[in-house]
Structures are given as structure tokens and as C-alpha cells.
């Protein structure tokens, strides 16, 4: 189940879920996010059609970031008015009974397992770096002048250190992928409360509604994907469904 905002792009399939949050003037952000999602979808499809080792698969996924970056740079060369556009990218790829997580930027991926709600990604932001250093507290985030500054983002400049993580999976795991339009206005506790015990569609609609009621901008993207028993035994089964 997915809902995407104006400059965001998202997709779900039986083996890939991804969200990209674009940035840039006019329609540039939308262009950037669409390039990222289409590229990762094409790369994931090609991986599924090849007989690869885990190491070969992971290398292709990591290299996909460089390919997306090159595509962004080429788009700017073709249309200079797109200069300055960029996008985040967070994706889950289901293959051979495990999940690979690819992430760059400040969109997030969470996992709800039973009663445990865990953020699986780390924000690539100045604020996160300051928090890790103990230089600021969580209470200072809302008023910090650099609260929206990213340290890693896809902009066609070749400066990125993408994180790729392999996750062990269990039946009934629920994953949430979202742009910062959601997490900027709702706490993890609030998100967990809304996410738990609802169907995918109901959960997505409730999260979007709560975000807007709490002052979120138009660009709020949410994907909820449930991992079923068959997903572990038969990789062709569905990880998520789009509406």
C-alpha cells in the first residue's frame, strides 16, 4: 500500500518497495525522484532475472546508486534548468528469502515485529551527526537552523556513501517506508500506534491523515508492506501491494 506526495516517487512490487523524496525548483524534485525509482526498479528486475551470488547481487545494488547519480547528471546536461535537483532513496529488495536494504538521505525505513518498532535506517543529516556526537539533544532539533540539511543525497555529483544492509526476515514483519514529511511531524511512538493492528490501506490512510493534521506539507509519502509466510518460502509471493 502506497501514497506518494508531489515531489516524491514510490513503487511497490512483489520483490521491491522504494521511496524517493525529491528536491529542487519547480518540477525538478519530481524529475529526480522519478529517475531514482525507475532506475532502482530496472536494476532490481535485472537482478531477479540473473543467477547471482549474494555478493554479486549486493555489489549490483550498491552500484545502482552510482548509476542513478549518472542518470541525474545526464538529465541536467540535457536540461540545465534542472540544475540543483536531488533526491533521497530508501528501498527494500526481497530475494532468495532475505531482504537487502539500500538507503541514502533522510527518508526512513522502519520495521514492526510483534510489539517492537525499530528504525532500520540512519538519517544522513547534519542533525543526526550532531546527535551522534552528543552536541545537541532531541529537544533542540525542532529549532535548530540546520535541521533540514542533508549530508548525503543523490544530486548527480558522485558524492555518496550508500548503506546496504541485509536483514533476516520473519513472517508477519511489517515494514514502513516514508519520506520526512511523515517523520517531521509524528513521533515514532505515534507512528507505531497508528501502524499496529490495522490493514495496510487503513494504516497508510491513517498515517497520512495524522501527518496533515499535525502540519505536514503536501509531500508525504508512505508505504506499508507486510511480509507473509510465503514470502520466506517462495520469493515470488508479494511483499507489498500498491493502490
C-alpha atoms as a PDB file:
ATOM      1  CA  UNK A   1       0.000   0.000   0.000  1.00  0.00           C
ATOM      2  CA  UNK A   2       1.499   3.348  -1.019  1.00  0.00           C
ATOM      3  CA  UNK A   3       0.674   7.030  -1.090  1.00  0.00           C
ATOM      4  CA  UNK A   4       3.123   9.497  -2.691  1.00  0.00           C
ATOM      5  CA  UNK A   5       3.355  13.284  -2.418  1.00  0.00           C
ATOM      6  CA  UNK A   6       4.039  15.850  -5.149  1.00  0.00           C
ATOM      7  CA  UNK A   7       7.861  15.715  -5.353  1.00  0.00           C
ATOM      8  CA  UNK A   8       8.067  12.170  -4.048  1.00  0.00           C
ATOM      9  CA  UNK A   9       8.054   8.940  -6.012  1.00  0.00           C
ATOM     10  CA  UNK A  10       7.373   5.451  -4.746  1.00  0.00           C
ATOM     11  CA  UNK A  11       6.755   1.954  -6.003  1.00  0.00           C
ATOM     12  CA  UNK A  12       5.787  -1.476  -4.746  1.00  0.00           C
ATOM     13  CA  UNK A  13       6.085  -4.861  -6.397  1.00  0.00           C
ATOM     14  CA  UNK A  14       6.356  -8.461  -5.276  1.00  0.00           C
ATOM     15  CA  UNK A  15      10.086  -8.022  -4.639  1.00  0.00           C
ATOM     16  CA  UNK A  16      10.833  -4.277  -4.347  1.00  0.00           C
ATOM     17  CA  UNK A  17       9.457  -1.356  -2.371  1.00  0.00           C
ATOM     18  CA  UNK A  18      11.096   2.051  -2.678  1.00  0.00           C
ATOM     19  CA  UNK A  19      10.523   5.686  -1.796  1.00  0.00           C
ATOM     20  CA  UNK A  20      12.402   8.721  -3.120  1.00  0.00           C
ATOM     21  CA  UNK A  21      11.932  12.277  -1.851  1.00  0.00           C
ATOM     22  CA  UNK A  22      12.895  14.815  -4.497  1.00  0.00           C
ATOM     23  CA  UNK A  23      14.112  18.369  -4.071  1.00  0.00           C
ATOM     24  CA  UNK A  24      14.743  21.260  -6.430  1.00  0.00           C
ATOM     25  CA  UNK A  25      12.951  24.190  -8.007  1.00  0.00           C
ATOM     26  CA  UNK A  26       9.677  23.874  -9.913  1.00  0.00           C
ATOM     27  CA  UNK A  27       9.301  20.248 -11.095  1.00  0.00           C
ATOM     28  CA  UNK A  28      12.971  19.302 -10.711  1.00  0.00           C
ATOM     29  CA  UNK A  29      12.432  17.394  -7.476  1.00  0.00           C
ATOM     30  CA  UNK A  30       9.742  15.274  -9.069  1.00  0.00           C
ATOM     31  CA  UNK A  31      12.022  14.535 -12.022  1.00  0.00           C
ATOM     32  CA  UNK A  32      14.864  13.464  -9.715  1.00  0.00           C
ATOM     33  CA  UNK A  33      12.736  11.163  -7.571  1.00  0.00           C
ATOM     34  CA  UNK A  34      11.196   9.503 -10.633  1.00  0.00           C
ATOM     35  CA  UNK A  35      14.641   8.888 -12.134  1.00  0.00           C
ATOM     36  CA  UNK A  36      15.764   7.217  -8.903  1.00  0.00           C
ATOM     37  CA  UNK A  37      12.736   4.971  -8.516  1.00  0.00           C
ATOM     38  CA  UNK A  38      12.645   3.925 -12.169  1.00  0.00           C
ATOM     39  CA  UNK A  39      16.360   3.137 -12.125  1.00  0.00           C
ATOM     40  CA  UNK A  40      16.287   1.033  -8.959  1.00  0.00           C
ATOM     41  CA  UNK A  41      13.232  -0.808 -10.307  1.00  0.00           C
ATOM     42  CA  UNK A  42      15.032  -1.659 -13.551  1.00  0.00           C
ATOM     43  CA  UNK A  43      18.156  -2.785 -11.715  1.00  0.00           C
ATOM     44  CA  UNK A  44      16.174  -4.927  -9.271  1.00  0.00           C
ATOM     45  CA  UNK A  45      14.326  -6.568 -12.156  1.00  0.00           C
ATOM     46  CA  UNK A  46      17.584  -7.398 -13.911  1.00  0.00           C
ATOM     47  CA  UNK A  47      18.971  -8.927 -10.703  1.00  0.00           C
ATOM     48  CA  UNK A  48      15.896 -11.132 -10.384  1.00  0.00           C
ATOM     49  CA  UNK A  49      16.473 -12.424 -13.899  1.00  0.00           C
ATOM     50  CA  UNK A  50      20.077 -13.457 -13.248  1.00  0.00           C
ATOM     51  CA  UNK A  51      21.639 -16.335 -11.343  1.00  0.00           C
ATOM     52  CA  UNK A  52      23.846 -14.357  -8.955  1.00  0.00           C
ATOM     53  CA  UNK A  53      25.621 -14.994  -5.694  1.00  0.00           C
ATOM     54  CA  UNK A  54      24.657 -12.831  -2.732  1.00  0.00           C
ATOM     55  CA  UNK A  55      27.922 -10.914  -3.114  1.00  0.00           C
ATOM     56  CA  UNK A  56      27.269 -10.223  -6.795  1.00  0.00           C
ATOM     57  CA  UNK A  57      23.721  -9.105  -6.041  1.00  0.00           C
ATOM     58  CA  UNK A  58      24.824  -6.768  -3.270  1.00  0.00           C
ATOM     59  CA  UNK A  59      27.517  -5.263  -5.486  1.00  0.00           C
ATOM     60  CA  UNK A  60      24.961  -4.517  -8.193  1.00  0.00           C
ATOM     61  CA  UNK A  61      22.625  -2.895  -5.668  1.00  0.00           C
ATOM     62  CA  UNK A  62      25.373  -0.678  -4.264  1.00  0.00           C
ATOM     63  CA  UNK A  63      26.499   0.229  -7.782  1.00  0.00           C
ATOM     64  CA  UNK A  64      22.923   1.198  -8.606  1.00  0.00           C
ATOM     65  CA  UNK A  65      23.453   4.385  -6.603  1.00  0.00           C
ATOM     66  CA  UNK A  66      26.257   5.436  -8.948  1.00  0.00           C
ATOM     67  CA  UNK A  67      24.065   4.606 -11.953  1.00  0.00           C
ATOM     68  CA  UNK A  68      21.238   6.755 -10.601  1.00  0.00           C
ATOM     69  CA  UNK A  69      23.687   9.566  -9.921  1.00  0.00           C
ATOM     70  CA  UNK A  70      24.937   9.379 -13.512  1.00  0.00           C
ATOM     71  CA  UNK A  71      21.358   9.465 -14.799  1.00  0.00           C
ATOM     72  CA  UNK A  72      20.688  12.601 -12.755  1.00  0.00           C
ATOM     73  CA  UNK A  73      23.840  14.255 -14.093  1.00  0.00           C
ATOM     74  CA  UNK A  74      22.864  13.375 -17.661  1.00  0.00           C
ATOM     75  CA  UNK A  75      19.399  14.850 -17.144  1.00  0.00           C
ATOM     76  CA  UNK A  76      20.927  18.135 -16.003  1.00  0.00           C
ATOM     77  CA  UNK A  77      23.265  18.138 -19.012  1.00  0.00           C
ATOM     78  CA  UNK A  78      20.254  17.644 -21.276  1.00  0.00           C
ATOM     79  CA  UNK A  79      18.158  20.230 -19.447  1.00  0.00           C
ATOM     80  CA  UNK A  80      20.204  22.803 -17.458  1.00  0.00           C
ATOM     81  CA  UNK A  81      17.033  24.153 -15.838  1.00  0.00           C
ATOM     82  CA  UNK A  82      17.090  21.014 -13.677  1.00  0.00           C
ATOM     83  CA  UNK A  83      20.420  22.015 -12.069  1.00  0.00           C
ATOM     84  CA  UNK A  84      20.321  21.612  -8.307  1.00  0.00           C
ATOM     85  CA  UNK A  85      17.774  18.818  -8.287  1.00  0.00           C
ATOM     86  CA  UNK A  86      18.322  15.880  -5.988  1.00  0.00           C
ATOM     87  CA  UNK A  87      16.590  13.008  -4.271  1.00  0.00           C
ATOM     88  CA  UNK A  88      16.773  10.624  -1.369  1.00  0.00           C
ATOM     89  CA  UNK A  89      16.283   6.898  -1.915  1.00  0.00           C
ATOM     90  CA  UNK A  90      15.291   4.156   0.501  1.00  0.00           C
ATOM     91  CA  UNK A  91      14.452   0.689  -0.793  1.00  0.00           C
ATOM     92  CA  UNK A  92      13.867  -2.901   0.294  1.00  0.00           C
ATOM     93  CA  UNK A  93      14.669  -5.728  -2.123  1.00  0.00           C
ATOM     94  CA  UNK A  94      13.321  -9.230  -1.409  1.00  0.00           C
ATOM     95  CA  UNK A  95      15.377 -12.017  -2.971  1.00  0.00           C
ATOM     96  CA  UNK A  96      16.132 -15.624  -2.066  1.00  0.00           C
ATOM     97  CA  UNK A  97      14.342 -15.401   1.261  1.00  0.00           C
ATOM     98  CA  UNK A  98      16.126 -12.328   2.608  1.00  0.00           C
ATOM     99  CA  UNK A  99      15.844  -8.572   2.309  1.00  0.00           C
ATOM    100  CA  UNK A 100      18.527  -6.129   1.195  1.00  0.00           C
ATOM    101  CA  UNK A 101      18.076  -2.542   2.399  1.00  0.00           C
ATOM    102  CA  UNK A 102      19.512   0.334   0.361  1.00  0.00           C
ATOM    103  CA  UNK A 103      19.435   3.843   1.779  1.00  0.00           C
ATOM    104  CA  UNK A 104      20.712   7.365   1.145  1.00  0.00           C
ATOM    105  CA  UNK A 105      19.222  10.583   2.541  1.00  0.00           C
ATOM    106  CA  UNK A 106      16.588  11.165   5.220  1.00  0.00           C
ATOM    107  CA  UNK A 107      13.642   9.103   4.092  1.00  0.00           C
ATOM    108  CA  UNK A 108      13.226   6.257   6.554  1.00  0.00           C
ATOM    109  CA  UNK A 109      12.540   2.544   6.784  1.00  0.00           C
ATOM    110  CA  UNK A 110      11.010   1.057   9.923  1.00  0.00           C
ATOM    111  CA  UNK A 111      10.159  -2.499  10.932  1.00  0.00           C
ATOM    112  CA  UNK A 112       7.290  -3.518  13.195  1.00  0.00           C
ATOM    113  CA  UNK A 113       7.902  -7.013  14.555  1.00  0.00           C
ATOM    114  CA  UNK A 114       5.375  -8.022  17.174  1.00  0.00           C
ATOM    115  CA  UNK A 115       5.405  -5.095  19.586  1.00  0.00           C
ATOM    116  CA  UNK A 116       8.899  -3.910  18.627  1.00  0.00           C
ATOM    117  CA  UNK A 117       9.061  -0.878  16.341  1.00  0.00           C
ATOM    118  CA  UNK A 118      12.561  -0.164  15.044  1.00  0.00           C
ATOM    119  CA  UNK A 119      14.076   2.409  12.698  1.00  0.00           C
ATOM    120  CA  UNK A 120      16.307   0.425  10.337  1.00  0.00           C
ATOM    121  CA  UNK A 121      17.912   3.403   8.591  1.00  0.00           C
ATOM    122  CA  UNK A 122      20.043   6.257   9.861  1.00  0.00           C
ATOM    123  CA  UNK A 123      19.277   9.772   8.632  1.00  0.00           C
ATOM    124  CA  UNK A 124      22.046  11.278   6.522  1.00  0.00           C
ATOM    125  CA  UNK A 125      21.631  14.743   8.023  1.00  0.00           C
ATOM    126  CA  UNK A 126      23.634  17.334   9.923  1.00  0.00           C
ATOM    127  CA  UNK A 127      21.197  16.922  12.809  1.00  0.00           C
ATOM    128  CA  UNK A 128      21.824  13.173  13.024  1.00  0.00           C
ATOM    129  CA  UNK A 129      25.586  13.757  13.025  1.00  0.00           C
ATOM    130  CA  UNK A 130      25.217  16.284  15.852  1.00  0.00           C
ATOM    131  CA  UNK A 131      23.032  13.872  17.817  1.00  0.00           C
ATOM    132  CA  UNK A 132      25.577  11.084  17.358  1.00  0.00           C
ATOM    133  CA  UNK A 133      28.303  13.424  18.613  1.00  0.00           C
ATOM    134  CA  UNK A 134      26.234  14.425  21.630  1.00  0.00           C
ATOM    135  CA  UNK A 135      26.414  18.063  20.509  1.00  0.00           C
ATOM    136  CA  UNK A 136      22.637  18.579  20.680  1.00  0.00           C
ATOM    137  CA  UNK A 137      19.636  16.948  22.316  1.00  0.00           C
ATOM    138  CA  UNK A 138      16.430  15.719  20.692  1.00  0.00           C
ATOM    139  CA  UNK A 139      14.640  18.665  22.276  1.00  0.00           C
ATOM    140  CA  UNK A 140      16.792  21.077  20.246  1.00  0.00           C
ATOM    141  CA  UNK A 141      16.039  19.578  16.830  1.00  0.00           C
ATOM    142  CA  UNK A 142      12.832  21.490  16.070  1.00  0.00           C
ATOM    143  CA  UNK A 143      14.510  24.904  16.335  1.00  0.00           C
ATOM    144  CA  UNK A 144      17.966  24.047  15.012  1.00  0.00           C
ATOM    145  CA  UNK A 145      18.896  26.128  11.920  1.00  0.00           C
ATOM    146  CA  UNK A 146      20.380  23.075  10.148  1.00  0.00           C
ATOM    147  CA  UNK A 147      17.510  20.689  10.854  1.00  0.00           C
ATOM    148  CA  UNK A 148      16.808  20.180   7.136  1.00  0.00           C
ATOM    149  CA  UNK A 149      20.387  19.933   5.846  1.00  0.00           C
ATOM    150  CA  UNK A 150      21.319  16.597   4.274  1.00  0.00           C
ATOM    151  CA  UNK A 151      24.854  15.200   4.372  1.00  0.00           C
ATOM    152  CA  UNK A 152      24.182  12.610   1.663  1.00  0.00           C
ATOM    153  CA  UNK A 153      21.771  12.903  -1.237  1.00  0.00           C
ATOM    154  CA  UNK A 154      21.698  11.920  -4.907  1.00  0.00           C
ATOM    155  CA  UNK A 155      22.412  15.035  -6.986  1.00  0.00           C
ATOM    156  CA  UNK A 156      24.484  13.758  -9.890  1.00  0.00           C
ATOM    157  CA  UNK A 157      27.702  14.834  -8.204  1.00  0.00           C
ATOM    158  CA  UNK A 158      29.174  11.433  -7.356  1.00  0.00           C
ATOM    159  CA  UNK A 159      29.482  12.167  -3.634  1.00  0.00           C
ATOM    160  CA  UNK A 160      27.693   9.402  -1.793  1.00  0.00           C
ATOM    161  CA  UNK A 161      28.329   6.545   0.606  1.00  0.00           C
ATOM    162  CA  UNK A 162      25.225   4.373   0.251  1.00  0.00           C
ATOM    163  CA  UNK A 163      24.408   1.973   3.014  1.00  0.00           C
ATOM    164  CA  UNK A 164      23.424  -1.601   2.109  1.00  0.00           C
ATOM    165  CA  UNK A 165      22.203  -3.893   4.870  1.00  0.00           C
ATOM    166  CA  UNK A 166      20.966  -7.473   4.682  1.00  0.00           C
ATOM    167  CA  UNK A 167      18.057  -8.233   7.009  1.00  0.00           C
ATOM    168  CA  UNK A 168      16.908 -11.538   8.397  1.00  0.00           C
ATOM    169  CA  UNK A 169      13.177 -11.802   7.986  1.00  0.00           C
ATOM    170  CA  UNK A 170      10.266 -13.337   9.838  1.00  0.00           C
ATOM    171  CA  UNK A 171       6.692 -13.962   8.836  1.00  0.00           C
ATOM    172  CA  UNK A 172       4.373 -11.096   9.816  1.00  0.00           C
ATOM    173  CA  UNK A 173       7.142  -8.487   9.779  1.00  0.00           C
ATOM    174  CA  UNK A 174       5.646  -5.156   8.755  1.00  0.00           C
ATOM    175  CA  UNK A 175       7.795  -2.531   7.048  1.00  0.00           C
ATOM    176  CA  UNK A 176       7.132   1.192   6.766  1.00  0.00           C
ATOM    177  CA  UNK A 177       8.941   3.334   4.193  1.00  0.00           C
ATOM    178  CA  UNK A 178       8.271   7.056   4.384  1.00  0.00           C
ATOM    179  CA  UNK A 179       9.547  10.492   3.455  1.00  0.00           C
ATOM    180  CA  UNK A 180      10.450  13.069   6.095  1.00  0.00           C
ATOM    181  CA  UNK A 181       7.053  14.664   5.565  1.00  0.00           C
ATOM    182  CA  UNK A 182       5.749  11.985   7.937  1.00  0.00           C
ATOM    183  CA  UNK A 183       8.553  11.746  10.477  1.00  0.00           C
ATOM    184  CA  UNK A 184       8.923  15.515  10.671  1.00  0.00           C
ATOM    185  CA  UNK A 185       5.547  15.840  12.393  1.00  0.00           C
ATOM    186  CA  UNK A 186       4.881  12.466  14.036  1.00  0.00           C
ATOM    187  CA  UNK A 187       6.984  10.753  16.697  1.00  0.00           C
ATOM    188  CA  UNK A 188       7.992   7.108  16.408  1.00  0.00           C
ATOM    189  CA  UNK A 189       5.561   6.315  19.230  1.00  0.00           C
ATOM    190  CA  UNK A 190       2.688   7.965  17.362  1.00  0.00           C
ATOM    191  CA  UNK A 191       3.593   6.186  14.131  1.00  0.00           C
ATOM    192  CA  UNK A 192       3.747   2.802  15.877  1.00  0.00           C
ATOM    193  CA  UNK A 193       0.339   3.320  17.482  1.00  0.00           C
ATOM    194  CA  UNK A 194      -1.242   4.091  14.112  1.00  0.00           C
ATOM    195  CA  UNK A 195       0.599   1.320  12.264  1.00  0.00           C
ATOM    196  CA  UNK A 196      -0.116  -1.530  14.661  1.00  0.00           C
ATOM    197  CA  UNK A 197      -3.214  -3.665  14.242  1.00  0.00           C
ATOM    198  CA  UNK A 198      -4.531  -2.089  11.044  1.00  0.00           C
ATOM    199  CA  UNK A 199      -4.687  -3.330   7.477  1.00  0.00           C
ATOM    200  CA  UNK A 200      -2.158  -1.842   5.055  1.00  0.00           C
ATOM    201  CA  UNK A 201      -4.583   0.520   3.376  1.00  0.00           C
ATOM    202  CA  UNK A 202      -6.144   1.703   6.617  1.00  0.00           C
ATOM    203  CA  UNK A 203      -2.707   2.240   8.171  1.00  0.00           C
ATOM    204  CA  UNK A 204      -1.445   4.297   5.224  1.00  0.00           C
ATOM    205  CA  UNK A 205      -4.542   6.489   5.153  1.00  0.00           C
ATOM    206  CA  UNK A 206      -4.405   6.998   8.920  1.00  0.00           C
ATOM    207  CA  UNK A 207      -0.717   7.963   8.827  1.00  0.00           C
ATOM    208  CA  UNK A 208      -1.260  10.471   6.017  1.00  0.00           C
ATOM    209  CA  UNK A 209      -4.266  11.980   7.789  1.00  0.00           C
ATOM    210  CA  UNK A 210      -2.397  12.267  11.096  1.00  0.00           C
ATOM    211  CA  UNK A 211       0.584  13.865   9.357  1.00  0.00           C
ATOM    212  CA  UNK A 212      -1.563  16.521   7.709  1.00  0.00           C
ATOM    213  CA  UNK A 213      -3.461  17.204  10.930  1.00  0.00           C
ATOM    214  CA  UNK A 214      -0.093  17.839  12.583  1.00  0.00           C
ATOM    215  CA  UNK A 215       1.002  20.342   9.950  1.00  0.00           C
ATOM    216  CA  UNK A 216       2.841  18.200   7.414  1.00  0.00           C
ATOM    217  CA  UNK A 217       3.457  19.665   3.944  1.00  0.00           C
ATOM    218  CA  UNK A 218       1.802  18.177   0.871  1.00  0.00           C
ATOM    219  CA  UNK A 219       4.787  15.928   0.170  1.00  0.00           C
ATOM    220  CA  UNK A 220       4.121  12.970   2.457  1.00  0.00           C
ATOM    221  CA  UNK A 221       4.888   9.510   1.105  1.00  0.00           C
ATOM    222  CA  UNK A 222       4.084   6.301   2.949  1.00  0.00           C
ATOM    223  CA  UNK A 223       4.485   2.638   2.008  1.00  0.00           C
ATOM    224  CA  UNK A 224       3.327  -0.165   4.282  1.00  0.00           C
ATOM    225  CA  UNK A 225       4.491  -3.664   3.299  1.00  0.00           C
ATOM    226  CA  UNK A 226       3.693  -6.893   5.109  1.00  0.00           C
ATOM    227  CA  UNK A 227       5.905  -9.960   4.904  1.00  0.00           C
ATOM    228  CA  UNK A 228       3.886 -13.161   4.747  1.00  0.00           C
ATOM    229  CA  UNK A 229       4.975 -16.744   5.415  1.00  0.00           C
ATOM    230  CA  UNK A 230       5.017 -17.480   1.682  1.00  0.00           C
ATOM    231  CA  UNK A 231       7.458 -14.611   1.109  1.00  0.00           C
ATOM    232  CA  UNK A 232      10.101 -16.522   3.056  1.00  0.00           C
ATOM    233  CA  UNK A 233       9.441 -19.862   1.360  1.00  0.00           C
ATOM    234  CA  UNK A 234       8.551 -18.581  -2.113  1.00  0.00           C
ATOM    235  CA  UNK A 235      10.258 -15.330  -3.149  1.00  0.00           C
ATOM    236  CA  UNK A 236       7.679 -14.789  -5.910  1.00  0.00           C
ATOM    237  CA  UNK A 237       4.978 -14.017  -3.341  1.00  0.00           C
ATOM    238  CA  UNK A 238       4.002 -10.431  -2.626  1.00  0.00           C
ATOM    239  CA  UNK A 239       5.878  -8.240  -0.190  1.00  0.00           C
ATOM    240  CA  UNK A 240       3.515  -5.318  -0.615  1.00  0.00           C
ATOM    241  CA  UNK A 241       0.593  -4.153  -2.663  1.00  0.00           C
ATOM    242  CA  UNK A 242       0.054  -0.829  -4.385  1.00  0.00           C
ATOM    243  CA  UNK A 243      -3.185   1.060  -4.555  1.00  0.00           C
END
